[in-house]
PDB file of N, CA and C in Angstrom:
ATOM      1  N   MET A   1     -10.361 -22.737 -12.417  1.00  0.00           N
ATOM      2  CA  MET A   1     -10.937 -21.802 -13.367  1.00  0.00           C
ATOM      3  C   MET A   1     -12.124 -21.073 -12.743  1.00  0.00           C
ATOM      4  N   ILE A   2     -12.277 -19.839 -13.115  1.00  0.00           N
ATOM      5  CA  ILE A   2     -13.431 -19.052 -12.684  1.00  0.00           C
ATOM      6  C   ILE A   2     -14.643 -19.547 -13.472  1.00  0.00           C
ATOM      7  N   LYS A   3     -15.713 -19.860 -12.746  1.00  0.00           N
ATOM      8  CA  LYS A   3     -16.920 -20.392 -13.375  1.00  0.00           C
ATOM      9  C   LYS A   3     -18.065 -19.387 -13.388  1.00  0.00           C
ATOM     10  N   MET A   4     -18.011 -18.402 -12.499  1.00  0.00           N
ATOM     11  CA  MET A   4     -19.050 -17.374 -12.431  1.00  0.00           C
ATOM     12  C   MET A   4     -18.379 -16.019 -12.276  1.00  0.00           C
ATOM     13  N   PHE A   5     -18.922 -14.999 -12.911  1.00  0.00           N
ATOM     14  CA  PHE A   5     -18.375 -13.649 -12.825  1.00  0.00           C
ATOM     15  C   PHE A   5     -19.555 -12.707 -12.977  1.00  0.00           C
ATOM     16  N   ASN A   6     -20.068 -12.207 -11.851  1.00  0.00           N
ATOM     17  CA  ASN A   6     -21.317 -11.442 -11.894  1.00  0.00           C
ATOM     18  C   ASN A   6     -21.122  -9.994 -12.339  1.00  0.00           C
ATOM     19  N   SER A   7     -22.226  -9.289 -12.522  1.00  0.00           N
ATOM     20  CA  SER A   7     -22.171  -7.914 -13.035  1.00  0.00           C
ATOM     21  C   SER A   7     -21.425  -6.976 -12.081  1.00  0.00           C
ATOM     22  N   GLY A   8     -21.493  -7.228 -10.792  1.00  0.00           N
ATOM     23  CA  GLY A   8     -20.740  -6.420  -9.835  1.00  0.00           C
ATOM     24  C   GLY A   8     -19.242  -6.572 -10.042  1.00  0.00           C
ATOM     25  N   ALA A   9     -18.800  -7.789 -10.301  1.00  0.00           N
ATOM     26  CA  ALA A   9     -17.377  -8.035 -10.571  1.00  0.00           C
ATOM     27  C   ALA A   9     -16.961  -7.364 -11.876  1.00  0.00           C
ATOM     28  N   VAL A  10     -17.833  -7.412 -12.866  1.00  0.00           N
ATOM     29  CA  VAL A  10     -17.542  -6.763 -14.146  1.00  0.00           C
ATOM     30  C   VAL A  10     -17.309  -5.267 -13.934  1.00  0.00           C
ATOM     31  N   LYS A  11     -18.185  -4.624 -13.174  1.00  0.00           N
ATOM     32  CA  LYS A  11     -18.067  -3.184 -12.920  1.00  0.00           C
ATOM     33  C   LYS A  11     -16.825  -2.857 -12.093  1.00  0.00           C
ATOM     34  N   MET A  12     -16.561  -3.668 -11.084  1.00  0.00           N
ATOM     35  CA  MET A  12     -15.468  -3.385 -10.172  1.00  0.00           C
ATOM     36  C   MET A  12     -14.102  -3.669 -10.799  1.00  0.00           C
ATOM     37  N   LEU A  13     -14.009  -4.736 -11.575  1.00  0.00           N
ATOM     38  CA  LEU A  13     -12.710  -5.181 -12.075  1.00  0.00           C
ATOM     39  C   LEU A  13     -12.458  -4.847 -13.543  1.00  0.00           C
ATOM     40  N   VAL A  14     -13.462  -4.353 -14.234  1.00  0.00           N
ATOM     41  CA  VAL A  14     -13.357  -3.899 -15.620  1.00  0.00           C
ATOM     42  C   VAL A  14     -12.918  -5.031 -16.578  1.00  0.00           C
ATOM     43  N   TYR A  15     -13.343  -6.228 -16.287  1.00  0.00           N
ATOM     44  CA  TYR A  15     -13.200  -7.358 -17.201  1.00  0.00           C
ATOM     45  C   TYR A  15     -14.603  -7.760 -17.617  1.00  0.00           C
ATOM     46  N   ARG A  16     -14.791  -8.175 -18.850  1.00  0.00           N
ATOM     47  CA  ARG A  16     -16.063  -8.749 -19.272  1.00  0.00           C
ATOM     48  C   ARG A  16     -16.081 -10.210 -18.827  1.00  0.00           C
ATOM     49  N   SER A  17     -17.253 -10.724 -18.543  1.00  0.00           N
ATOM     50  CA  SER A  17     -17.336 -12.110 -18.086  1.00  0.00           C
ATOM     51  C   SER A  17     -16.788 -13.082 -19.133  1.00  0.00           C
ATOM     52  N   ASP A  18     -16.975 -12.797 -20.422  1.00  0.00           N
ATOM     53  CA  ASP A  18     -16.465 -13.711 -21.451  1.00  0.00           C
ATOM     54  C   ASP A  18     -14.936 -13.700 -21.534  1.00  0.00           C
ATOM     55  N   GLU A  19     -14.289 -12.698 -20.955  1.00  0.00           N
ATOM     56  CA  GLU A  19     -12.824 -12.653 -20.901  1.00  0.00           C
ATOM     57  C   GLU A  19     -12.279 -13.498 -19.745  1.00  0.00           C
ATOM     58  N   ILE A  20     -13.137 -13.789 -18.783  1.00  0.00           N
ATOM     59  CA  ILE A  20     -12.701 -14.404 -17.534  1.00  0.00           C
ATOM     60  C   ILE A  20     -13.157 -15.855 -17.388  1.00  0.00           C
ATOM     61  N   ILE A  21     -14.439 -16.108 -17.594  1.00  0.00           N
ATOM     62  CA  ILE A  21     -15.035 -17.419 -17.317  1.00  0.00           C
ATOM     63  C   ILE A  21     -14.352 -18.503 -18.155  1.00  0.00           C
ATOM     64  N   ASN A  22     -13.906 -19.542 -17.443  1.00  0.00           N
ATOM     65  CA  ASN A  22     -13.228 -20.702 -18.034  1.00  0.00           C
ATOM     66  C   ASN A  22     -11.897 -20.368 -18.712  1.00  0.00           C
ATOM     67  N   LYS A  23     -11.359 -19.178 -18.447  1.00  0.00           N
ATOM     68  CA  LYS A  23     -10.083 -18.790 -19.053  1.00  0.00           C
ATOM     69  C   LYS A  23      -9.015 -18.442 -18.023  1.00  0.00           C
ATOM     70  N   HIS A  24      -9.429 -18.080 -16.815  1.00  0.00           N
ATOM     71  CA  HIS A  24      -8.477 -17.646 -15.796  1.00  0.00           C
ATOM     72  C   HIS A  24      -8.829 -18.231 -14.436  1.00  0.00           C
ATOM     73  N   THR A  25      -7.829 -18.322 -13.581  1.00  0.00           N
ATOM     74  CA  THR A  25      -8.054 -18.697 -12.189  1.00  0.00           C
ATOM     75  C   THR A  25      -8.265 -17.424 -11.380  1.00  0.00           C
ATOM     76  N   PRO A  26      -8.732 -17.540 -10.141  1.00  0.00           N
ATOM     77  CA  PRO A  26      -8.894 -16.355  -9.293  1.00  0.00           C
ATOM     78  C   PRO A  26      -7.594 -15.595  -9.039  1.00  0.00           C
ATOM     79  N   ALA A  27      -6.466 -16.211  -9.280  1.00  0.00           N
ATOM     80  CA  ALA A  27      -5.185 -15.532  -9.065  1.00  0.00           C
ATOM     81  C   ALA A  27      -5.065 -14.270  -9.910  1.00  0.00           C
ATOM     82  N   LEU A  28      -5.738 -14.223 -11.040  1.00  0.00           N
ATOM     83  CA  LEU A  28      -5.697 -13.049 -11.912  1.00  0.00           C
ATOM     84  C   LEU A  28      -6.168 -11.786 -11.199  1.00  0.00           C
ATOM     85  N   ILE A  29      -7.126 -11.911 -10.314  1.00  0.00           N
ATOM     86  CA  ILE A  29      -7.762 -10.738  -9.710  1.00  0.00           C
ATOM     87  C   ILE A  29      -7.399 -10.553  -8.232  1.00  0.00           C
ATOM     88  N   HIS A  30      -6.327 -11.205  -7.787  1.00  0.00           N
ATOM     89  CA  HIS A  30      -5.880 -11.079  -6.396  1.00  0.00           C
ATOM     90  C   HIS A  30      -4.409 -10.721  -6.350  1.00  0.00           C
ATOM     91  N   LEU A  31      -4.069  -9.854  -5.428  1.00  0.00           N
ATOM     92  CA  LEU A  31      -2.660  -9.549  -5.182  1.00  0.00           C
ATOM     93  C   LEU A  31      -2.006 -10.745  -4.496  1.00  0.00           C
ATOM     94  N   GLU A  32      -0.763 -11.012  -4.818  1.00  0.00           N
ATOM     95  CA  GLU A  32      -0.051 -12.120  -4.181  1.00  0.00           C
ATOM     96  C   GLU A  32      -0.040 -11.962  -2.666  1.00  0.00           C
ATOM     97  N   SER A  33       0.089 -10.732  -2.186  1.00  0.00           N
ATOM     98  CA  SER A  33       0.097 -10.495  -0.738  1.00  0.00           C
ATOM     99  C   SER A  33      -1.233 -10.893  -0.099  1.00  0.00           C
ATOM    100  N   GLU A  34      -2.353 -10.688  -0.812  1.00  0.00           N
ATOM    101  CA  GLU A  34      -3.661 -11.106  -0.302  1.00  0.00           C
ATOM    102  C   GLU A  34      -3.759 -12.628  -0.214  1.00  0.00           C
ATOM    103  N   VAL A  35      -3.231 -13.306  -1.208  1.00  0.00           N
ATOM    104  CA  VAL A  35      -3.267 -14.768  -1.225  1.00  0.00           C
ATOM    105  C   VAL A  35      -2.437 -15.316  -0.070  1.00  0.00           C
ATOM    106  N   ILE A  36      -1.280 -14.756   0.155  1.00  0.00           N
ATOM    107  CA  ILE A  36      -0.413 -15.191   1.259  1.00  0.00           C
ATOM    108  C   ILE A  36      -1.102 -14.956   2.597  1.00  0.00           C
ATOM    109  N   GLU A  37      -1.670 -13.765   2.775  1.00  0.00           N
ATOM    110  CA  GLU A  37      -2.355 -13.436   4.024  1.00  0.00           C
ATOM    111  C   GLU A  37      -3.532 -14.377   4.275  1.00  0.00           C
ATOM    112  N   ARG A  38      -4.327 -14.636   3.240  1.00  0.00           N
ATOM    113  CA  ARG A  38      -5.472 -15.541   3.387  1.00  0.00           C
ATOM    114  C   ARG A  38      -5.003 -16.961   3.682  1.00  0.00           C
ATOM    115  N   GLY A  39      -3.910 -17.382   3.065  1.00  0.00           N
ATOM    116  CA  GLY A  39      -3.354 -18.707   3.347  1.00  0.00           C
ATOM    117  C   GLY A  39      -2.940 -18.842   4.800  1.00  0.00           C
ATOM    118  N   GLU A  40      -2.358 -17.786   5.340  1.00  0.00           N
ATOM    119  CA  GLU A  40      -1.966 -17.804   6.751  1.00  0.00           C
ATOM    120  C   GLU A  40      -3.198 -17.904   7.657  1.00  0.00           C
ATOM    121  N   GLU A  41      -4.259 -17.148   7.329  1.00  0.00           N
ATOM    122  CA  GLU A  41      -5.507 -17.202   8.109  1.00  0.00           C
ATOM    123  C   GLU A  41      -6.101 -18.606   8.083  1.00  0.00           C
ATOM    124  N   LEU A  42      -6.195 -19.176   6.893  1.00  0.00           N
ATOM    125  CA  LEU A  42      -6.781 -20.508   6.755  1.00  0.00           C
ATOM    126  C   LEU A  42      -5.926 -21.570   7.426  1.00  0.00           C
ATOM    127  N   SER A  43      -4.617 -21.443   7.310  1.00  0.00           N
ATOM    128  CA  SER A  43      -3.702 -22.400   7.939  1.00  0.00           C
ATOM    129  C   SER A  43      -3.868 -22.376   9.450  1.00  0.00           C
ATOM    130  N   GLU A  44      -3.957 -21.177  10.003  1.00  0.00           N
ATOM    131  CA  GLU A  44      -4.111 -21.045  11.454  1.00  0.00           C
ATOM    132  C   GLU A  44      -5.438 -21.627  11.926  1.00  0.00           C
ATOM    133  N   SER A  45      -6.513 -21.348  11.214  1.00  0.00           N
ATOM    134  CA  SER A  45      -7.831 -21.822  11.655  1.00  0.00           C
ATOM    135  C   SER A  45      -8.037 -23.314  11.422  1.00  0.00           C
ATOM    136  N   SER A  46      -7.339 -23.894  10.448  1.00  0.00           N
ATOM    137  CA  SER A  46      -7.535 -25.309  10.134  1.00  0.00           C
ATOM    138  C   SER A  46      -6.484 -26.225  10.744  1.00  0.00           C
ATOM    139  N   GLY A  47      -5.352 -25.652  11.130  1.00  0.00           N
ATOM    140  CA  GLY A  47      -4.274 -26.464  11.674  1.00  0.00           C
ATOM    141  C   GLY A  47      -3.475 -27.196  10.612  1.00  0.00           C
ATOM    142  N   GLU A  48      -3.681 -26.868   9.345  1.00  0.00           N
ATOM    143  CA  GLU A  48      -2.900 -27.456   8.256  1.00  0.00           C
ATOM    144  C   GLU A  48      -2.417 -26.350   7.333  1.00  0.00           C
ATOM    145  N   GLU A  49      -1.323 -26.606   6.645  1.00  0.00           N
ATOM    146  CA  GLU A  49      -0.735 -25.602   5.761  1.00  0.00           C
ATOM    147  C   GLU A  49      -1.597 -25.443   4.512  1.00  0.00           C
ATOM    148  N   ILE A  50      -2.064 -24.220   4.255  1.00  0.00           N
ATOM    149  CA  ILE A  50      -2.876 -23.925   3.078  1.00  0.00           C
ATOM    150  C   ILE A  50      -2.245 -22.734   2.375  1.00  0.00           C
ATOM    151  N   GLY A  51      -1.893 -22.919   1.123  1.00  0.00           N
ATOM    152  CA  GLY A  51      -1.280 -21.851   0.354  1.00  0.00           C
ATOM    153  C   GLY A  51      -1.548 -22.035  -1.122  1.00  0.00           C
ATOM    154  N   GLY A  52      -1.112 -21.079  -1.915  1.00  0.00           N
ATOM    155  CA  GLY A  52      -1.291 -21.152  -3.361  1.00  0.00           C
ATOM    156  C   GLY A  52      -2.749 -21.243  -3.759  1.00  0.00           C
ATOM    157  N   PHE A  53      -3.035 -22.057  -4.765  1.00  0.00           N
ATOM    158  CA  PHE A  53      -4.396 -22.175  -5.289  1.00  0.00           C
ATOM    159  C   PHE A  53      -5.374 -22.715  -4.246  1.00  0.00           C
ATOM    160  N   LYS A  54      -4.888 -23.488  -3.280  1.00  0.00           N
ATOM    161  CA  LYS A  54      -5.762 -24.041  -2.232  1.00  0.00           C
ATOM    162  C   LYS A  54      -6.460 -22.943  -1.433  1.00  0.00           C
ATOM    163  N   VAL A  55      -5.871 -21.761  -1.401  1.00  0.00           N
ATOM    164  CA  VAL A  55      -6.489 -20.626  -0.708  1.00  0.00           C
ATOM    165  C   VAL A  55      -7.892 -20.355  -1.275  1.00  0.00           C
ATOM    166  N   PHE A  56      -8.051 -20.557  -2.578  1.00  0.00           N
ATOM    167  CA  PHE A  56      -9.316 -20.258  -3.240  1.00  0.00           C
ATOM    168  C   PHE A  56     -10.344 -21.381  -3.137  1.00  0.00           C
ATOM    169  N   ILE A  57      -9.902 -22.599  -2.902  1.00  0.00           N
ATOM    170  CA  ILE A  57     -10.836 -23.729  -2.977  1.00  0.00           C
ATOM    171  C   ILE A  57     -11.088 -24.468  -1.669  1.00  0.00           C
ATOM    172  N   THR A  58     -10.294 -24.213  -0.646  1.00  0.00           N
ATOM    173  CA  THR A  58     -10.414 -24.984   0.591  1.00  0.00           C
ATOM    174  C   THR A  58     -11.794 -24.865   1.223  1.00  0.00           C
ATOM    175  N   LEU A  59     -12.238 -23.662   1.515  1.00  0.00           N
ATOM    176  CA  LEU A  59     -13.549 -23.502   2.161  1.00  0.00           C
ATOM    177  C   LEU A  59     -14.707 -23.863   1.239  1.00  0.00           C
ATOM    178  N   PRO A  60     -14.705 -23.458  -0.026  1.00  0.00           N
ATOM    179  CA  PRO A  60     -15.805 -23.879  -0.898  1.00  0.00           C
ATOM    180  C   PRO A  60     -15.936 -25.397  -1.018  1.00  0.00           C
ATOM    181  N   LYS A  61     -14.817 -26.124  -1.023  1.00  0.00           N
ATOM    182  CA  LYS A  61     -14.895 -27.585  -1.096  1.00  0.00           C
ATOM    183  C   LYS A  61     -15.528 -28.175   0.156  1.00  0.00           C
ATOM    184  N   LYS A  62     -15.284 -27.554   1.299  1.00  0.00           N
ATOM    185  CA  LYS A  62     -15.812 -28.061   2.567  1.00  0.00           C
ATOM    186  C   LYS A  62     -17.234 -27.573   2.838  1.00  0.00           C
ATOM    187  N   HIS A  63     -17.546 -26.326   2.470  1.00  0.00           N
ATOM    188  CA  HIS A  63     -18.789 -25.708   2.920  1.00  0.00           C
ATOM    189  C   HIS A  63     -19.650 -25.119   1.795  1.00  0.00           C
ATOM    190  N   GLY A  64     -19.285 -25.289   0.563  1.00  0.00           N
ATOM    191  CA  GLY A  64     -20.011 -24.639  -0.524  1.00  0.00           C
ATOM    192  C   GLY A  64     -19.362 -23.303  -0.838  1.00  0.00           C
ATOM    193  N   SER A  65     -20.040 -22.465  -1.551  1.00  0.00           N
ATOM    194  CA  SER A  65     -19.430 -21.211  -1.979  1.00  0.00           C
ATOM    195  C   SER A  65     -19.053 -20.319  -0.796  1.00  0.00           C
ATOM    196  N   GLU A  66     -18.069 -19.491  -1.040  1.00  0.00           N
ATOM    197  CA  GLU A  66     -17.576 -18.560  -0.011  1.00  0.00           C
ATOM    198  C   GLU A  66     -17.818 -17.144  -0.488  1.00  0.00           C
ATOM    199  N   THR A  67     -18.333 -16.295   0.384  1.00  0.00           N
ATOM    200  CA  THR A  67     -18.572 -14.898   0.046  1.00  0.00           C
ATOM    201  C   THR A  67     -17.684 -14.037   0.926  1.00  0.00           C
ATOM    202  N   ARG A  68     -16.829 -13.261   0.276  1.00  0.00           N
ATOM    203  CA  ARG A  68     -15.929 -12.365   1.001  1.00  0.00           C
ATOM    204  C   ARG A  68     -15.801 -11.071   0.233  1.00  0.00           C
ATOM    205  N   GLU A  69     -15.552  -9.990   0.946  1.00  0.00           N
ATOM    206  CA  GLU A  69     -15.257  -8.695   0.318  1.00  0.00           C
ATOM    207  C   GLU A  69     -13.842  -8.716  -0.191  1.00  0.00           C
TER     208      GLU A  69
END
């Protein structure tokens, strides 16, 4: 579940934070092709298969929050 949704995300994605927080996963705001591509990047760098929802949580679980464009 999405736990934080800042004002920049609100402006960029045109969702209100109360529509998103604790109601949706990050999959709502990502193209499937982006998730697949990121899974391939993470799999290559980690040496283990990472796909699906793990794409969103692997690095934050290991290193804290992740900031990406």
